[in-house]
Amino acid sequence: MSTTGRYFIRDRQSGRVFCVEPINRRDQKLDDTTWTNGGIDAVRGGAVREDESIITPENGFTGITYLPPGTSPDAYVEMLVKGADPAPRG
């Protein structure tokens, strides 16, 4: 996992690769190096802002899904691999 929280899951049988990015909408970027989060400065890592996500149709991603808070991305990918479509696409 990277400092942004981004990671990839590869299904060993099919070879499909899934990219997971936790999106954090609360942090506010003040400049290139300073973030603020409820009065705490220099918040780093753990999530990306939606506008900095690499998961876009322009980058070749299809079936982009936003999961509700508390939903396991790993469990969601496991359901996709098994052929179920557990949640609507975003």
C-alpha atoms as a PDB file:
ATOM      1  CA  MET A   1       0.000   0.000   0.000  1.00  0.00           C
ATOM      2  CA  SER A   2       1.223   3.487  -0.782  1.00  0.00           C
ATOM      3  CA  THR A   3       1.217   6.546   1.467  1.00  0.00           C
ATOM      4  CA  THR A   4      -2.050   7.535  -0.240  1.00  0.00           C
ATOM      5  CA  GLY A   5      -3.717   4.262   0.723  1.00  0.00           C
ATOM      6  CA  ARG A   6      -3.961   3.249  -2.955  1.00  0.00           C
ATOM      7  CA  TYR A   7      -3.458  -0.449  -3.638  1.00  0.00           C
ATOM      8  CA  PHE A   8      -4.116  -3.035  -6.333  1.00  0.00           C
ATOM      9  CA  ILE A   9      -5.783  -6.447  -6.078  1.00  0.00           C
ATOM     10  CA  ARG A  10      -5.088  -9.098  -8.736  1.00  0.00           C
ATOM     11  CA  ASP A  11      -7.418 -12.085  -9.067  1.00  0.00           C
ATOM     12  CA  ARG A  12      -5.096 -15.057  -9.530  1.00  0.00           C
ATOM     13  CA  GLN A  13      -7.537 -17.085 -11.622  1.00  0.00           C
ATOM     14  CA  SER A  14      -8.742 -14.472 -14.096  1.00  0.00           C
ATOM     15  CA  GLY A  15      -5.819 -12.048 -13.951  1.00  0.00           C
ATOM     16  CA  ARG A  16      -8.222  -9.111 -13.432  1.00  0.00           C
ATOM     17  CA  VAL A  17      -6.668  -6.192 -11.598  1.00  0.00           C
ATOM     18  CA  PHE A  18      -8.663  -3.883  -9.331  1.00  0.00           C
ATOM     19  CA  CYS A  19      -7.391  -0.517  -8.134  1.00  0.00           C
ATOM     20  CA  VAL A  20      -8.577   0.666  -4.714  1.00  0.00           C
ATOM     21  CA  GLU A  21      -8.287   4.274  -3.564  1.00  0.00           C
ATOM     22  CA  PRO A  22      -9.717   5.510  -0.300  1.00  0.00           C
ATOM     23  CA  ILE A  23     -11.200   8.942  -1.023  1.00  0.00           C
ATOM     24  CA  ASN A  24     -11.107  11.525   1.759  1.00  0.00           C
ATOM     25  CA  ARG A  25     -13.304  14.555   1.197  1.00  0.00           C
ATOM     26  CA  ARG A  26     -12.580  16.245   4.564  1.00  0.00           C
ATOM     27  CA  ASP A  27      -8.924  17.206   4.129  1.00  0.00           C
ATOM     28  CA  GLN A  28      -8.260  20.560   2.533  1.00  0.00           C
ATOM     29  CA  LYS A  29      -5.047  21.167   0.659  1.00  0.00           C
ATOM     30  CA  LEU A  30      -3.647  24.568   1.575  1.00  0.00           C
ATOM     31  CA  ASP A  31      -0.652  24.379  -0.779  1.00  0.00           C
ATOM     32  CA  ASP A  32       1.628  21.679  -2.259  1.00  0.00           C
ATOM     33  CA  THR A  33       2.836  20.490   1.155  1.00  0.00           C
ATOM     34  CA  THR A  34       0.319  21.648   3.780  1.00  0.00           C
ATOM     35  CA  TRP A  35      -3.007  20.024   4.556  1.00  0.00           C
ATOM     36  CA  THR A  36      -5.523  20.844   7.241  1.00  0.00           C
ATOM     37  CA  ASN A  37      -8.061  18.573   8.874  1.00  0.00           C
ATOM     38  CA  GLY A  38     -10.171  20.119  11.606  1.00  0.00           C
ATOM     39  CA  GLY A  39      -7.297  22.210  12.927  1.00  0.00           C
ATOM     40  CA  ILE A  40      -4.650  19.495  12.560  1.00  0.00           C
ATOM     41  CA  ASP A  41      -1.961  20.578  10.094  1.00  0.00           C
ATOM     42  CA  ALA A  42       0.257  18.412   7.883  1.00  0.00           C
ATOM     43  CA  VAL A  43      -2.147  15.491   7.481  1.00  0.00           C
ATOM     44  CA  ARG A  44      -0.337  12.983   5.287  1.00  0.00           C
ATOM     45  CA  GLY A  45      -1.182   9.665   3.663  1.00  0.00           C
ATOM     46  CA  GLY A  46      -4.044   7.269   4.095  1.00  0.00           C
ATOM     47  CA  ALA A  47      -6.347   8.664   1.403  1.00  0.00           C
ATOM     48  CA  VAL A  48      -6.510  10.728  -1.773  1.00  0.00           C
ATOM     49  CA  ARG A  49      -8.711  13.641  -2.668  1.00  0.00           C
ATOM     50  CA  GLU A  50     -11.255  12.823  -5.355  1.00  0.00           C
ATOM     51  CA  ASP A  51      -9.723  15.363  -7.753  1.00  0.00           C
ATOM     52  CA  GLU A  52      -6.325  13.603  -7.416  1.00  0.00           C
ATOM     53  CA  SER A  53      -7.646  10.091  -8.047  1.00  0.00           C
ATOM     54  CA  ILE A  54      -6.115   8.042 -10.861  1.00  0.00           C
ATOM     55  CA  ILE A  55      -9.339   6.026 -11.169  1.00  0.00           C
ATOM     56  CA  THR A  56     -10.993   7.817 -14.073  1.00  0.00           C
ATOM     57  CA  PRO A  57     -12.488   6.763 -17.425  1.00  0.00           C
ATOM     58  CA  GLU A  58      -9.756   8.862 -19.092  1.00  0.00           C
ATOM     59  CA  ASN A  59      -7.173   6.522 -17.527  1.00  0.00           C
ATOM     60  CA  GLY A  60      -8.995   3.463 -18.889  1.00  0.00           C
ATOM     61  CA  PHE A  61     -10.928   2.444 -15.773  1.00  0.00           C
ATOM     62  CA  THR A  62     -14.409   0.965 -16.220  1.00  0.00           C
ATOM     63  CA  GLY A  63     -17.018   0.000 -13.646  1.00  0.00           C
ATOM     64  CA  ILE A  64     -15.884   2.698 -11.220  1.00  0.00           C
ATOM     65  CA  THR A  65     -17.698   2.255  -7.917  1.00  0.00           C
ATOM     66  CA  TYR A  66     -17.887   4.411  -4.776  1.00  0.00           C
ATOM     67  CA  LEU A  67     -18.513   2.288  -1.696  1.00  0.00           C
ATOM     68  CA  PRO A  68     -20.352   3.562   1.366  1.00  0.00           C
ATOM     69  CA  PRO A  69     -18.226   4.274   4.461  1.00  0.00           C
ATOM     70  CA  GLY A  70     -17.454   1.123   6.404  1.00  0.00           C
ATOM     71  CA  THR A  71     -17.664  -1.158   3.346  1.00  0.00           C
ATOM     72  CA  SER A  72     -14.647  -3.409   2.793  1.00  0.00           C
ATOM     73  CA  PRO A  73     -13.108  -2.868  -0.655  1.00  0.00           C
ATOM     74  CA  ASP A  74     -11.529  -6.331  -0.462  1.00  0.00           C
ATOM     75  CA  ALA A  75     -14.897  -8.000   0.222  1.00  0.00           C
ATOM     76  CA  TYR A  76     -16.467  -6.002  -2.626  1.00  0.00           C
ATOM     77  CA  VAL A  77     -13.768  -7.122  -5.068  1.00  0.00           C
ATOM     78  CA  GLU A  78     -14.187 -10.706  -3.879  1.00  0.00           C
ATOM     79  CA  MET A  79     -17.928 -10.504  -4.697  1.00  0.00           C
ATOM     80  CA  LEU A  80     -17.131  -9.063  -8.140  1.00  0.00           C
ATOM     81  CA  VAL A  81     -14.710 -11.902  -8.861  1.00  0.00           C
ATOM     82  CA  LYS A  82     -17.370 -14.438  -7.873  1.00  0.00           C
ATOM     83  CA  GLY A  83     -19.724 -12.869 -10.439  1.00  0.00           C
ATOM     84  CA  ALA A  84     -22.038 -10.919  -8.166  1.00  0.00           C
ATOM     85  CA  ASP A  85     -22.661  -7.195  -8.592  1.00  0.00           C
ATOM     86  CA  PRO A  86     -23.218  -6.142  -4.966  1.00  0.00           C
ATOM     87  CA  ALA A  87     -23.559  -2.355  -5.368  1.00  0.00           C
ATOM     88  CA  PRO A  88     -24.549   0.236  -7.946  1.00  0.00           C
ATOM     89  CA  ARG A  89     -21.822   1.936  -9.939  1.00  0.00           C
ATOM     90  CA  GLY A  90     -20.924   5.556  -9.166  1.00  0.00           C
END
